Amino acid sequence: MADEQYWDQYLQQTSALGIIKPDAISGVFRGGGGGSGDPGPSTEPLPADPEVNNTPVAIRVVQTANTPNGRSVFASDEFVYGYYPYTDGAAFAAIDKRSNIPVAHRSAAAASSSSSSSSTPPRCPSSGTAFVLCEVPPFRAAMPPRRTLTVDYVVVVTGELTVCLDGDVSTEKRVRAGDVLVQQGTQHMWRNQTDMPCRLLYVMVAGRRITLANGTVLDKSG
């Protein structure tokens, strides 16, 4: 019963688009706290916190499709729930994946979103696309540094994200709610150095192998 009441309170803070409101997320992560005793920004991830990594992360996904006779319909309307692949990292949810480009449209019967737990963040199919939700808790890195052979179109929905390239703090940039980041196969790490959760939505598009002018081939990592 307590779990039901918890979820009822959480989902009441959901917008019409199924995006949890920033103040609601902050309340969930920080227990409605605040005040002069709050920790300031830190460049180092905090120790693993079971309460943070048990925080439910969800997004409402509405999908359309065509029936066999060509009628446009709403094929599904459901919540997709996130999972934590790392004990001290971000929550991820795979909203949609397609194996190939151009994509094959799914039938109304087959249109459904799902995100199962994994030991890694959602991966992009080698010739396709992936649409992903990522929510980074306060003062944490989303994941260890990594490179993917994809072009990533990232929209910051709420909060602020620090993007670090090649592990070099001198290359850091901060992107905030409403900003867009386009990553092209670069070694990167995402960190939240604020006391508010940061929510991202991003699309990964499969890319070719990266070959430098001197013939060096950069492979994916992490």
N, C-alpha and C. Protein backbone atom coordinates (compact mmCIF):
# COMPACT_ATOMS: atom_id res chain seq x y z
N MET A 1 0.83 -1.21 0.00
CA MET A 1 0.00 0.00 0.00
C MET A 1 0.87 1.25 0.00
N ALA A 2 1.96 1.19 0.79
CA ALA A 2 2.86 2.36 0.83
C ALA A 2 3.46 2.62 -0.54
N ASP A 3 3.82 1.54 -1.27
CA ASP A 3 4.39 1.71 -2.61
C ASP A 3 3.39 2.36 -3.54
N GLU A 4 2.10 1.96 -3.45
CA GLU A 4 1.08 2.55 -4.31
C GLU A 4 0.93 4.03 -4.03
N GLN A 5 0.91 4.40 -2.75
CA GLN A 5 0.79 5.82 -2.40
C GLN A 5 1.99 6.60 -2.91
N TYR A 6 3.18 5.98 -2.82
CA TYR A 6 4.39 6.65 -3.30
C TYR A 6 4.29 6.93 -4.79
N TRP A 7 3.89 5.91 -5.57
CA TRP A 7 3.79 6.08 -7.01
C TRP A 7 2.69 7.05 -7.38
N ASP A 8 1.57 7.02 -6.65
CA ASP A 8 0.48 7.97 -6.94
C ASP A 8 0.97 9.40 -6.80
N GLN A 9 1.70 9.66 -5.71
CA GLN A 9 2.22 11.01 -5.50
C GLN A 9 3.22 11.38 -6.57
N TYR A 10 4.04 10.44 -6.97
CA TYR A 10 5.08 10.68 -7.99
C TYR A 10 4.46 10.98 -9.35
N LEU A 11 3.49 10.14 -9.76
CA LEU A 11 2.92 10.28 -11.08
C LEU A 11 1.98 11.48 -11.19
N GLN A 12 1.47 11.97 -10.07
CA GLN A 12 0.65 13.18 -10.11
C GLN A 12 1.45 14.39 -10.55
N GLN A 13 2.78 14.30 -10.43
CA GLN A 13 3.65 15.39 -10.84
C GLN A 13 4.03 15.31 -12.31
N THR A 14 3.42 14.37 -13.04
CA THR A 14 3.75 14.17 -14.44
C THR A 14 3.02 15.17 -15.32
N SER A 15 3.73 15.74 -16.28
CA SER A 15 3.10 16.66 -17.21
C SER A 15 2.29 15.89 -18.24
N ALA A 16 1.57 16.63 -19.09
CA ALA A 16 0.77 15.99 -20.13
C ALA A 16 1.64 15.20 -21.10
N LEU A 17 2.91 15.56 -21.21
CA LEU A 17 3.82 14.85 -22.10
C LEU A 17 4.49 13.67 -21.42
N GLY A 18 4.17 13.45 -20.14
CA GLY A 18 4.76 12.33 -19.44
C GLY A 18 6.16 12.62 -18.93
N ILE A 19 6.55 13.90 -18.91
CA ILE A 19 7.87 14.27 -18.41
C ILE A 19 7.72 14.74 -16.97
N ILE A 20 8.42 14.09 -16.04
CA ILE A 20 8.29 14.43 -14.64
C ILE A 20 8.80 15.85 -14.41
N LYS A 21 8.01 16.65 -13.70
CA LYS A 21 8.36 18.03 -13.48
C LYS A 21 9.63 18.14 -12.64
N PRO A 22 10.48 19.15 -12.92
CA PRO A 22 11.76 19.26 -12.23
C PRO A 22 11.62 19.32 -10.71
N ASP A 23 10.62 20.08 -10.19
CA ASP A 23 10.49 20.18 -8.74
C ASP A 23 10.09 18.86 -8.13
N ALA A 24 9.34 18.06 -8.87
CA ALA A 24 8.96 16.74 -8.35
C ALA A 24 10.16 15.83 -8.27
N ILE A 25 11.00 15.88 -9.34
CA ILE A 25 12.21 15.04 -9.34
C ILE A 25 13.11 15.44 -8.19
N SER A 26 13.27 16.74 -7.99
CA SER A 26 14.14 17.20 -6.91
C SER A 26 13.64 16.71 -5.58
N GLY A 27 12.32 16.73 -5.38
CA GLY A 27 11.76 16.27 -4.13
C GLY A 27 12.01 14.80 -3.92
N VAL A 28 11.94 14.01 -4.99
CA VAL A 28 12.17 12.58 -4.88
C VAL A 28 13.62 12.30 -4.50
N PHE A 29 14.55 13.01 -5.17
CA PHE A 29 15.97 12.75 -4.92
C PHE A 29 16.42 13.30 -3.57
N ARG A 30 15.88 14.46 -3.20
CA ARG A 30 16.41 15.14 -2.02
C ARG A 30 15.46 15.07 -0.83
N GLY A 31 14.32 14.40 -1.02
CA GLY A 31 13.39 14.26 0.08
C GLY A 31 12.76 15.58 0.49
N GLY A 32 12.69 16.53 -0.48
CA GLY A 32 12.08 17.82 -0.17
C GLY A 32 12.95 18.69 0.72
N GLY A 33 14.24 18.37 0.81
CA GLY A 33 15.15 19.08 1.71
C GLY A 33 15.53 20.43 1.17
N GLY A 34 16.74 20.85 1.49
CA GLY A 34 17.21 22.15 1.06
C GLY A 34 17.80 22.90 2.23
N GLY A 35 18.23 24.13 1.97
CA GLY A 35 18.76 24.92 3.05
C GLY A 35 20.26 25.09 2.94
N SER A 36 20.81 25.81 3.92
CA SER A 36 22.21 26.16 3.85
C SER A 36 23.13 24.96 4.02
N GLY A 37 22.60 23.82 4.50
CA GLY A 37 23.44 22.65 4.70
C GLY A 37 23.63 21.82 3.46
N ASP A 38 23.01 22.18 2.36
CA ASP A 38 23.14 21.40 1.13
C ASP A 38 24.58 21.43 0.63
N PRO A 39 25.08 20.31 0.08
CA PRO A 39 26.45 20.31 -0.44
C PRO A 39 26.58 21.15 -1.69
N GLY A 40 27.73 21.76 -1.89
CA GLY A 40 27.99 22.54 -3.09
C GLY A 40 28.41 21.64 -4.23
N PRO A 41 28.58 22.21 -5.43
CA PRO A 41 29.00 21.41 -6.58
C PRO A 41 30.30 20.68 -6.32
N SER A 42 30.43 19.50 -6.89
CA SER A 42 31.63 18.69 -6.74
C SER A 42 31.97 18.07 -8.07
N THR A 43 33.24 17.94 -8.35
CA THR A 43 33.66 17.30 -9.59
C THR A 43 33.81 15.81 -9.43
N GLU A 44 33.72 15.29 -8.20
CA GLU A 44 33.88 13.87 -7.95
C GLU A 44 32.54 13.23 -7.67
N PRO A 45 32.25 12.05 -8.27
CA PRO A 45 31.02 11.34 -7.96
C PRO A 45 30.97 10.96 -6.49
N LEU A 46 29.77 10.97 -5.91
CA LEU A 46 29.60 10.56 -4.53
C LEU A 46 29.62 9.04 -4.43
N PRO A 47 29.84 8.51 -3.20
CA PRO A 47 29.73 7.06 -3.03
C PRO A 47 28.34 6.58 -3.42
N ALA A 48 28.23 5.32 -3.79
CA ALA A 48 26.94 4.76 -4.20
C ALA A 48 25.91 4.96 -3.11
N ASP A 49 24.73 5.40 -3.48
CA ASP A 49 23.64 5.67 -2.55
C ASP A 49 22.44 4.82 -2.95
N PRO A 50 22.09 3.78 -2.20
CA PRO A 50 20.97 2.91 -2.58
C PRO A 50 19.67 3.67 -2.74
N GLU A 51 19.46 4.74 -1.95
CA GLU A 51 18.21 5.49 -2.07
C GLU A 51 18.11 6.19 -3.42
N VAL A 52 19.23 6.73 -3.90
CA VAL A 52 19.24 7.37 -5.21
C VAL A 52 18.98 6.34 -6.30
N ASN A 53 19.67 5.21 -6.23
CA ASN A 53 19.57 4.22 -7.29
C ASN A 53 18.29 3.39 -7.24
N ASN A 54 17.45 3.60 -6.23
CA ASN A 54 16.14 2.97 -6.19
C ASN A 54 15.04 3.94 -6.60
N THR A 55 15.42 5.18 -6.91
CA THR A 55 14.42 6.17 -7.28
C THR A 55 13.79 5.82 -8.62
N PRO A 56 12.46 5.69 -8.67
CA PRO A 56 11.81 5.35 -9.95
C PRO A 56 12.00 6.46 -10.98
N VAL A 57 12.33 6.09 -12.19
CA VAL A 57 12.43 7.02 -13.31
C VAL A 57 11.54 6.49 -14.42
N ALA A 58 10.65 7.34 -14.90
CA ALA A 58 9.68 6.88 -15.89
C ALA A 58 9.34 8.00 -16.86
N ILE A 59 8.88 7.62 -18.04
CA ILE A 59 8.41 8.59 -19.03
C ILE A 59 7.25 7.96 -19.79
N ARG A 60 6.25 8.75 -20.04
CA ARG A 60 5.10 8.28 -20.80
C ARG A 60 5.41 8.35 -22.29
N VAL A 61 5.12 7.26 -23.00
CA VAL A 61 5.40 7.17 -24.44
C VAL A 61 4.11 6.83 -25.18
N VAL A 62 3.74 7.69 -26.11
CA VAL A 62 2.57 7.47 -26.96
C VAL A 62 3.05 7.19 -28.37
N GLN A 63 2.61 6.08 -28.95
CA GLN A 63 3.04 5.71 -30.29
C GLN A 63 1.84 5.63 -31.23
N THR A 64 2.07 6.06 -32.47
CA THR A 64 1.06 5.92 -33.52
C THR A 64 1.52 4.88 -34.53
N ALA A 65 0.58 4.40 -35.32
CA ALA A 65 0.91 3.40 -36.35
C ALA A 65 -0.23 3.34 -37.35
N ASN A 66 -0.06 2.50 -38.35
CA ASN A 66 -1.09 2.29 -39.37
C ASN A 66 -1.68 0.89 -39.23
N THR A 67 -2.99 0.79 -39.39
CA THR A 67 -3.65 -0.52 -39.40
C THR A 67 -3.45 -1.15 -40.78
N PRO A 68 -3.77 -2.43 -40.92
CA PRO A 68 -3.63 -3.09 -42.23
C PRO A 68 -4.39 -2.40 -43.36
N ASN A 69 -5.47 -1.69 -43.02
CA ASN A 69 -6.22 -0.99 -44.07
C ASN A 69 -5.81 0.47 -44.23
N GLY A 70 -4.70 0.86 -43.55
CA GLY A 70 -4.15 2.20 -43.75
C GLY A 70 -4.69 3.27 -42.84
N ARG A 71 -5.45 2.90 -41.83
CA ARG A 71 -6.00 3.89 -40.91
C ARG A 71 -4.95 4.25 -39.85
N SER A 72 -4.81 5.55 -39.58
CA SER A 72 -3.87 6.01 -38.56
C SER A 72 -4.50 5.88 -37.18
N VAL A 73 -3.76 5.25 -36.26
CA VAL A 73 -4.30 5.00 -34.92
C VAL A 73 -3.22 5.24 -33.87
N PHE A 74 -3.68 5.43 -32.64
CA PHE A 74 -2.77 5.40 -31.50
C PHE A 74 -2.55 3.95 -31.14
N ALA A 75 -1.32 3.49 -31.29
CA ALA A 75 -1.05 2.07 -31.12
C ALA A 75 -0.72 1.70 -29.68
N SER A 76 -0.14 2.62 -28.92
CA SER A 76 0.19 2.32 -27.53
C SER A 76 0.31 3.61 -26.74
N ASP A 77 0.08 3.50 -25.45
CA ASP A 77 0.17 4.63 -24.52
C ASP A 77 0.58 4.02 -23.18
N GLU A 78 1.87 4.14 -22.84
CA GLU A 78 2.36 3.43 -21.66
C GLU A 78 3.57 4.13 -21.08
N PHE A 79 3.88 3.79 -19.84
CA PHE A 79 5.09 4.29 -19.19
C PHE A 79 6.25 3.34 -19.45
N VAL A 80 7.40 3.93 -19.76
CA VAL A 80 8.64 3.16 -19.87
C VAL A 80 9.48 3.52 -18.66
N TYR A 81 10.01 2.50 -18.00
CA TYR A 81 10.71 2.70 -16.74
C TYR A 81 12.22 2.53 -16.93
N GLY A 82 12.96 3.36 -16.21
CA GLY A 82 14.41 3.33 -16.33
C GLY A 82 15.05 2.31 -15.42
N TYR A 83 16.32 2.05 -15.66
CA TYR A 83 17.12 1.15 -14.83
C TYR A 83 18.49 1.77 -14.63
N TYR A 84 19.21 1.31 -13.62
CA TYR A 84 20.53 1.84 -13.28
C TYR A 84 21.59 0.80 -13.61
N PRO A 85 22.31 0.94 -14.74
CA PRO A 85 23.35 -0.04 -15.08
C PRO A 85 24.59 0.04 -14.20
N TYR A 86 24.79 1.20 -13.54
CA TYR A 86 25.94 1.38 -12.66
C TYR A 86 25.44 1.75 -11.26
N THR A 87 26.15 1.30 -10.23
CA THR A 87 25.69 1.55 -8.86
C THR A 87 25.72 3.03 -8.49
N ASP A 88 26.57 3.81 -9.16
CA ASP A 88 26.67 5.23 -8.82
C ASP A 88 26.50 6.12 -10.05
N GLY A 89 25.71 5.65 -11.01
CA GLY A 89 25.54 6.42 -12.25
C GLY A 89 24.10 6.85 -12.48
N ALA A 90 23.75 7.02 -13.75
CA ALA A 90 22.44 7.53 -14.14
C ALA A 90 21.45 6.41 -14.41
N ALA A 91 20.19 6.80 -14.51
CA ALA A 91 19.14 5.88 -14.94
C ALA A 91 18.94 6.03 -16.44
N PHE A 92 18.69 4.90 -17.13
CA PHE A 92 18.48 4.90 -18.56
C PHE A 92 17.21 4.12 -18.90
N ALA A 93 16.56 4.52 -19.98
CA ALA A 93 15.42 3.77 -20.51
C ALA A 93 15.45 3.86 -22.02
N ALA A 94 15.38 2.71 -22.68
CA ALA A 94 15.33 2.68 -24.15
C ALA A 94 13.88 2.88 -24.58
N ILE A 95 13.59 4.05 -25.13
CA ILE A 95 12.22 4.37 -25.55
C ILE A 95 11.87 3.69 -26.86
N ASP A 96 12.83 3.67 -27.79
CA ASP A 96 12.58 3.07 -29.10
C ASP A 96 13.90 2.68 -29.74
N LYS A 97 13.94 1.53 -30.41
CA LYS A 97 15.11 1.10 -31.17
C LYS A 97 14.66 0.61 -32.54
N ARG A 98 15.48 0.91 -33.56
CA ARG A 98 15.23 0.42 -34.92
C ARG A 98 16.52 -0.20 -35.45
N SER A 99 16.40 -1.35 -36.08
CA SER A 99 17.59 -2.12 -36.47
C SER A 99 18.29 -1.57 -37.70
N ASN A 100 17.52 -0.90 -38.59
CA ASN A 100 18.11 -0.43 -39.85
C ASN A 100 17.57 0.93 -40.23
N ILE A 101 18.36 1.63 -41.04
CA ILE A 101 17.95 2.91 -41.64
C ILE A 101 17.97 2.74 -43.15
N PRO A 102 16.94 3.17 -43.90
CA PRO A 102 15.67 3.71 -43.43
C PRO A 102 14.91 2.68 -42.59
N VAL A 103 14.12 3.17 -41.64
CA VAL A 103 13.44 2.28 -40.71
C VAL A 103 12.23 1.63 -41.36
N ALA A 104 11.89 0.46 -40.84
CA ALA A 104 10.64 -0.22 -41.22
C ALA A 104 9.58 0.16 -40.20
N HIS A 105 8.46 0.69 -40.68
CA HIS A 105 7.40 1.10 -39.76
C HIS A 105 6.73 -0.13 -39.15
N ARG A 106 6.51 -0.08 -37.84
CA ARG A 106 5.86 -1.19 -37.16
C ARG A 106 4.36 -1.12 -37.34
N SER A 107 3.73 -2.27 -37.30
CA SER A 107 2.27 -2.32 -37.38
C SER A 107 1.68 -1.85 -36.05
N ALA A 108 0.40 -1.56 -36.06
CA ALA A 108 -0.28 -1.13 -34.84
C ALA A 108 -0.17 -2.19 -33.76
N ALA A 109 -0.21 -3.45 -34.14
CA ALA A 109 -0.15 -4.54 -33.17
C ALA A 109 1.23 -4.67 -32.55
N ALA A 110 2.27 -4.25 -33.28
CA ALA A 110 3.64 -4.46 -32.82
C ALA A 110 4.23 -3.24 -32.12
N ALA A 111 3.53 -2.11 -32.19
CA ALA A 111 4.07 -0.87 -31.63
C ALA A 111 3.97 -0.89 -30.11
N SER A 112 5.09 -0.95 -29.45
CA SER A 112 5.12 -0.94 -27.99
C SER A 112 6.53 -0.61 -27.55
N SER A 113 6.65 0.10 -26.43
CA SER A 113 7.96 0.45 -25.89
C SER A 113 8.25 -0.43 -24.69
N SER A 114 9.51 -0.74 -24.50
CA SER A 114 9.91 -1.50 -23.32
C SER A 114 11.38 -1.22 -23.04
N SER A 115 11.75 -1.29 -21.77
CA SER A 115 13.14 -1.10 -21.39
C SER A 115 13.47 -2.06 -20.27
N SER A 116 14.29 -3.05 -20.56
CA SER A 116 14.66 -4.03 -19.56
C SER A 116 16.00 -3.67 -18.94
N SER A 117 16.25 -4.18 -17.75
CA SER A 117 17.50 -3.90 -17.05
C SER A 117 18.68 -4.51 -17.79
N SER A 118 19.84 -3.85 -17.66
CA SER A 118 21.04 -4.32 -18.31
C SER A 118 22.24 -3.82 -17.52
N SER A 119 23.40 -4.40 -17.78
CA SER A 119 24.63 -3.95 -17.11
C SER A 119 25.28 -2.80 -17.85
N THR A 120 24.70 -2.37 -18.97
CA THR A 120 25.23 -1.26 -19.76
C THR A 120 24.08 -0.33 -20.15
N PRO A 121 24.38 0.93 -20.50
CA PRO A 121 23.34 1.81 -21.03
C PRO A 121 22.80 1.23 -22.34
N PRO A 122 21.62 1.68 -22.80
CA PRO A 122 21.09 1.18 -24.07
C PRO A 122 22.07 1.40 -25.21
N ARG A 123 22.23 0.39 -26.05
CA ARG A 123 23.13 0.46 -27.19
C ARG A 123 22.35 0.74 -28.46
N CYS A 124 23.02 1.37 -29.42
CA CYS A 124 22.42 1.61 -30.72
C CYS A 124 22.71 0.43 -31.63
N PRO A 125 21.71 -0.12 -32.33
CA PRO A 125 21.98 -1.18 -33.30
C PRO A 125 23.02 -0.70 -34.31
N SER A 126 23.85 -1.63 -34.80
CA SER A 126 25.00 -1.26 -35.64
C SER A 126 24.62 -0.55 -36.93
N SER A 127 23.37 -0.72 -37.37
CA SER A 127 22.92 -0.04 -38.60
C SER A 127 21.63 0.74 -38.39
N GLY A 128 21.30 1.01 -37.13
CA GLY A 128 20.00 1.59 -36.85
C GLY A 128 20.03 2.82 -35.97
N THR A 129 19.01 2.95 -35.14
CA THR A 129 18.84 4.11 -34.26
C THR A 129 18.36 3.66 -32.89
N ALA A 130 18.56 4.52 -31.90
CA ALA A 130 18.02 4.29 -30.56
C ALA A 130 17.60 5.63 -29.97
N PHE A 131 16.44 5.64 -29.33
CA PHE A 131 15.90 6.83 -28.67
C PHE A 131 15.90 6.52 -27.18
N VAL A 132 16.62 7.34 -26.39
CA VAL A 132 16.91 6.98 -25.01
C VAL A 132 16.59 8.13 -24.05
N LEU A 133 16.08 7.75 -22.88
CA LEU A 133 15.93 8.67 -21.75
C LEU A 133 17.09 8.43 -20.81
N CYS A 134 17.69 9.51 -20.31
CA CYS A 134 18.77 9.41 -19.31
C CYS A 134 18.49 10.43 -18.22
N GLU A 135 18.56 10.00 -16.98
CA GLU A 135 18.40 10.93 -15.86
C GLU A 135 19.59 10.78 -14.92
N VAL A 136 20.34 11.88 -14.77
CA VAL A 136 21.57 11.86 -13.98
C VAL A 136 21.28 12.48 -12.61
N PRO A 137 21.45 11.72 -11.52
CA PRO A 137 21.22 12.26 -10.18
C PRO A 137 22.21 13.37 -9.85
N PRO A 138 21.91 14.18 -8.84
CA PRO A 138 22.84 15.25 -8.44
C PRO A 138 24.22 14.72 -8.07
N PHE A 139 25.24 15.48 -8.47
CA PHE A 139 26.64 15.21 -8.12
C PHE A 139 27.11 13.83 -8.55
N ARG A 140 26.66 13.39 -9.72
CA ARG A 140 27.07 12.08 -10.21
C ARG A 140 27.43 12.15 -11.69
N ALA A 141 28.26 11.19 -12.11
CA ALA A 141 28.53 11.00 -13.53
C ALA A 141 27.50 10.02 -14.08
N ALA A 142 27.07 10.25 -15.33
CA ALA A 142 26.08 9.37 -15.93
C ALA A 142 26.64 7.97 -16.12
N MET A 143 27.92 7.90 -16.50
CA MET A 143 28.56 6.62 -16.83
C MET A 143 30.07 6.85 -16.90
N PRO A 144 30.88 5.79 -16.94
CA PRO A 144 32.32 5.98 -17.15
C PRO A 144 32.58 6.59 -18.52
N PRO A 145 33.77 7.16 -18.75
CA PRO A 145 34.09 7.72 -20.07
C PRO A 145 33.93 6.65 -21.15
N ARG A 146 33.39 7.06 -22.31
CA ARG A 146 33.24 6.09 -23.40
C ARG A 146 33.15 6.81 -24.75
N ARG A 147 33.35 6.03 -25.82
CA ARG A 147 33.20 6.50 -27.18
C ARG A 147 32.24 5.55 -27.89
N THR A 148 31.30 6.10 -28.62
CA THR A 148 30.41 5.29 -29.45
C THR A 148 30.59 5.70 -30.90
N LEU A 149 30.37 4.78 -31.82
CA LEU A 149 30.49 5.08 -33.25
C LEU A 149 29.15 5.57 -33.78
N THR A 150 28.58 6.53 -33.07
CA THR A 150 27.26 7.06 -33.42
C THR A 150 27.31 8.58 -33.45
N VAL A 151 26.31 9.16 -34.12
CA VAL A 151 26.02 10.58 -33.95
C VAL A 151 24.88 10.65 -32.95
N ASP A 152 25.10 11.41 -31.87
CA ASP A 152 24.12 11.50 -30.79
C ASP A 152 23.51 12.89 -30.77
N TYR A 153 22.19 12.95 -30.87
CA TYR A 153 21.46 14.21 -30.78
C TYR A 153 20.83 14.28 -29.39
N VAL A 154 21.38 15.14 -28.54
CA VAL A 154 21.01 15.16 -27.13
C VAL A 154 20.28 16.47 -26.80
N VAL A 155 19.11 16.35 -26.18
CA VAL A 155 18.35 17.51 -25.72
C VAL A 155 18.32 17.49 -24.20
N VAL A 156 18.75 18.58 -23.57
CA VAL A 156 18.67 18.70 -22.12
C VAL A 156 17.26 19.18 -21.77
N VAL A 157 16.49 18.32 -21.10
CA VAL A 157 15.10 18.64 -20.77
C VAL A 157 15.02 19.44 -19.48
N THR A 158 15.72 18.98 -18.45
CA THR A 158 15.76 19.71 -17.17
C THR A 158 17.16 19.64 -16.61
N GLY A 159 17.51 20.63 -15.82
CA GLY A 159 18.80 20.61 -15.13
C GLY A 159 19.96 21.09 -15.99
N GLU A 160 21.16 20.70 -15.58
CA GLU A 160 22.40 21.13 -16.23
C GLU A 160 23.37 19.96 -16.30
N LEU A 161 24.07 19.86 -17.42
CA LEU A 161 25.01 18.76 -17.65
C LEU A 161 26.38 19.32 -17.99
N THR A 162 27.42 18.75 -17.39
CA THR A 162 28.80 19.09 -17.75
C THR A 162 29.33 17.99 -18.65
N VAL A 163 29.76 18.37 -19.85
CA VAL A 163 30.29 17.42 -20.83
C VAL A 163 31.80 17.54 -20.86
N CYS A 164 32.48 16.43 -20.61
CA CYS A 164 33.94 16.40 -20.59
C CYS A 164 34.44 15.49 -21.71
N LEU A 165 35.39 15.95 -22.52
CA LEU A 165 35.93 15.18 -23.63
C LEU A 165 37.33 14.68 -23.31
N ASP A 166 37.60 13.41 -23.64
CA ASP A 166 38.92 12.81 -23.44
C ASP A 166 39.42 12.89 -22.01
N GLY A 167 38.51 13.01 -21.06
CA GLY A 167 38.91 13.06 -19.65
C GLY A 167 39.66 14.32 -19.27
N ASP A 168 39.63 15.33 -20.10
CA ASP A 168 40.39 16.57 -19.88
C ASP A 168 39.43 17.66 -19.41
N VAL A 169 39.58 18.10 -18.15
CA VAL A 169 38.65 19.10 -17.61
C VAL A 169 38.73 20.42 -18.36
N SER A 170 39.85 20.67 -19.05
CA SER A 170 39.98 21.93 -19.79
C SER A 170 39.04 21.97 -21.00
N THR A 171 38.50 20.80 -21.38
CA THR A 171 37.60 20.76 -22.53
C THR A 171 36.14 20.73 -22.10
N GLU A 172 35.86 20.94 -20.82
CA GLU A 172 34.48 20.86 -20.34
C GLU A 172 33.61 22.00 -20.86
N LYS A 173 32.35 21.66 -21.12
CA LYS A 173 31.32 22.66 -21.41
C LYS A 173 30.06 22.28 -20.66
N ARG A 174 29.29 23.27 -20.25
CA ARG A 174 28.02 23.02 -19.57
C ARG A 174 26.87 23.30 -20.52
N VAL A 175 25.94 22.39 -20.55
CA VAL A 175 24.73 22.58 -21.34
C VAL A 175 23.55 22.51 -20.38
N ARG A 176 22.56 23.36 -20.64
CA ARG A 176 21.45 23.52 -19.69
C ARG A 176 20.11 23.23 -20.38
N ALA A 177 19.07 23.20 -19.56
CA ALA A 177 17.72 22.91 -20.07
C ALA A 177 17.41 23.77 -21.29
N GLY A 178 17.02 23.11 -22.38
CA GLY A 178 16.74 23.80 -23.64
C GLY A 178 17.90 23.77 -24.60
N ASP A 179 19.10 23.44 -24.13
CA ASP A 179 20.27 23.34 -25.01
C ASP A 179 20.29 21.99 -25.72
N VAL A 180 21.03 21.95 -26.83
CA VAL A 180 21.17 20.73 -27.62
C VAL A 180 22.66 20.43 -27.81
N LEU A 181 23.01 19.16 -27.67
CA LEU A 181 24.38 18.70 -27.86
C LEU A 181 24.39 17.69 -29.01
N VAL A 182 25.32 17.86 -29.96
CA VAL A 182 25.50 16.90 -31.05
C VAL A 182 26.89 16.28 -30.89
N GLN A 183 26.92 15.01 -30.56
CA GLN A 183 28.19 14.29 -30.36
C GLN A 183 28.48 13.43 -31.58
N GLN A 184 29.72 13.53 -32.07
CA GLN A 184 30.11 12.79 -33.27
C GLN A 184 31.26 11.84 -32.96
N GLY A 185 30.96 10.73 -32.33
CA GLY A 185 31.96 9.69 -32.09
C GLY A 185 33.11 10.10 -31.20
N THR A 186 32.89 11.04 -30.28
CA THR A 186 33.97 11.52 -29.42
C THR A 186 33.98 10.79 -28.07
N GLN A 187 35.17 10.68 -27.48
CA GLN A 187 35.30 10.13 -26.13
C GLN A 187 34.72 11.17 -25.17
N HIS A 188 33.76 10.74 -24.37
CA HIS A 188 33.05 11.72 -23.55
C HIS A 188 32.63 11.14 -22.21
N MET A 189 32.35 12.05 -21.29
CA MET A 189 31.73 11.70 -20.02
C MET A 189 30.75 12.80 -19.65
N TRP A 190 29.58 12.41 -19.15
CA TRP A 190 28.56 13.37 -18.73
C TRP A 190 28.50 13.39 -17.21
N ARG A 191 28.52 14.59 -16.65
CA ARG A 191 28.45 14.73 -15.19
C ARG A 191 27.41 15.78 -14.82
N ASN A 192 26.74 15.52 -13.72
CA ASN A 192 25.82 16.48 -13.13
C ASN A 192 26.50 17.04 -11.88
N GLN A 193 26.92 18.30 -11.95
CA GLN A 193 27.63 18.92 -10.84
C GLN A 193 26.74 19.86 -10.05
N THR A 194 25.42 19.67 -10.14
CA THR A 194 24.47 20.51 -9.43
C THR A 194 23.69 19.68 -8.42
N ASP A 195 22.84 20.35 -7.65
CA ASP A 195 22.02 19.65 -6.65
C ASP A 195 20.63 19.32 -7.18
N MET A 196 20.45 19.41 -8.50
CA MET A 196 19.17 19.06 -9.14
C MET A 196 19.39 17.95 -10.15
N PRO A 197 18.47 17.00 -10.28
CA PRO A 197 18.61 15.97 -11.31
C PRO A 197 18.64 16.59 -12.70
N CYS A 198 19.33 15.95 -13.61
CA CYS A 198 19.39 16.39 -15.01
C CYS A 198 18.77 15.31 -15.88
N ARG A 199 17.74 15.69 -16.65
CA ARG A 199 17.06 14.74 -17.53
C ARG A 199 17.40 15.04 -18.98
N LEU A 200 17.80 13.99 -19.71
CA LEU A 200 18.18 14.10 -21.11
C LEU A 200 17.32 13.17 -21.95
N LEU A 201 17.05 13.59 -23.17
CA LEU A 201 16.49 12.72 -24.19
C LEU A 201 17.45 12.76 -25.37
N TYR A 202 17.86 11.58 -25.86
CA TYR A 202 18.80 11.60 -26.97
C TYR A 202 18.51 10.50 -27.98
N VAL A 203 18.88 10.79 -29.22
CA VAL A 203 18.75 9.84 -30.33
C VAL A 203 20.15 9.49 -30.80
N MET A 204 20.44 8.20 -30.86
CA MET A 204 21.72 7.71 -31.38
C MET A 204 21.48 7.17 -32.79
N VAL A 205 22.31 7.60 -33.72
CA VAL A 205 22.21 7.14 -35.11
C VAL A 205 23.52 6.44 -35.46
N ALA A 206 23.43 5.21 -35.94
CA ALA A 206 24.63 4.43 -36.26
C ALA A 206 25.50 5.18 -37.27
N GLY A 207 26.82 5.14 -37.03
CA GLY A 207 27.76 5.82 -37.92
C GLY A 207 28.83 4.87 -38.43
N ARG A 208 29.64 5.36 -39.35
CA ARG A 208 30.74 4.58 -39.90
C ARG A 208 31.92 4.58 -38.94
N ARG A 209 32.87 3.68 -39.17
CA ARG A 209 34.10 3.67 -38.38
C ARG A 209 34.83 5.00 -38.57
N ILE A 210 35.47 5.45 -37.50
CA ILE A 210 36.15 6.74 -37.53
C ILE A 210 37.61 6.52 -37.89
N THR A 211 38.02 7.04 -39.05
CA THR A 211 39.40 6.91 -39.51
C THR A 211 40.02 8.30 -39.60
N LEU A 212 41.11 8.51 -38.86
CA LEU A 212 41.78 9.81 -38.85
C LEU A 212 42.62 9.99 -40.10
N ALA A 213 43.10 11.22 -40.30
CA ALA A 213 43.89 11.54 -41.49
C ALA A 213 45.17 10.70 -41.58
N ASN A 214 45.71 10.30 -40.43
CA ASN A 214 46.95 9.51 -40.43
C ASN A 214 46.68 8.00 -40.54
N GLY A 215 45.43 7.64 -40.74
CA GLY A 215 45.07 6.24 -40.92
C GLY A 215 44.66 5.53 -39.64
N THR A 216 44.80 6.19 -38.49
CA THR A 216 44.39 5.59 -37.21
C THR A 216 42.89 5.41 -37.18
N VAL A 217 42.46 4.24 -36.73
CA VAL A 217 41.03 3.94 -36.62
C VAL A 217 40.62 4.03 -35.15
N LEU A 218 39.61 4.84 -34.87
CA LEU A 218 39.09 4.95 -33.51
C LEU A 218 37.93 4.00 -33.34
N ASP A 219 38.01 3.16 -32.33
CA ASP A 219 36.96 2.18 -32.09
C ASP A 219 36.12 2.63 -30.89
N LYS A 220 34.96 2.02 -30.74
CA LYS A 220 34.12 2.33 -29.59
C LYS A 220 34.76 1.81 -28.33
N SER A 221 34.39 2.44 -27.20
CA SER A 221 34.93 2.01 -25.91
C SER A 221 33.89 2.28 -24.84
N GLY A 222 33.97 1.54 -23.74
CA GLY A 222 33.06 1.74 -22.63
C GLY A 222 31.68 1.17 -22.86
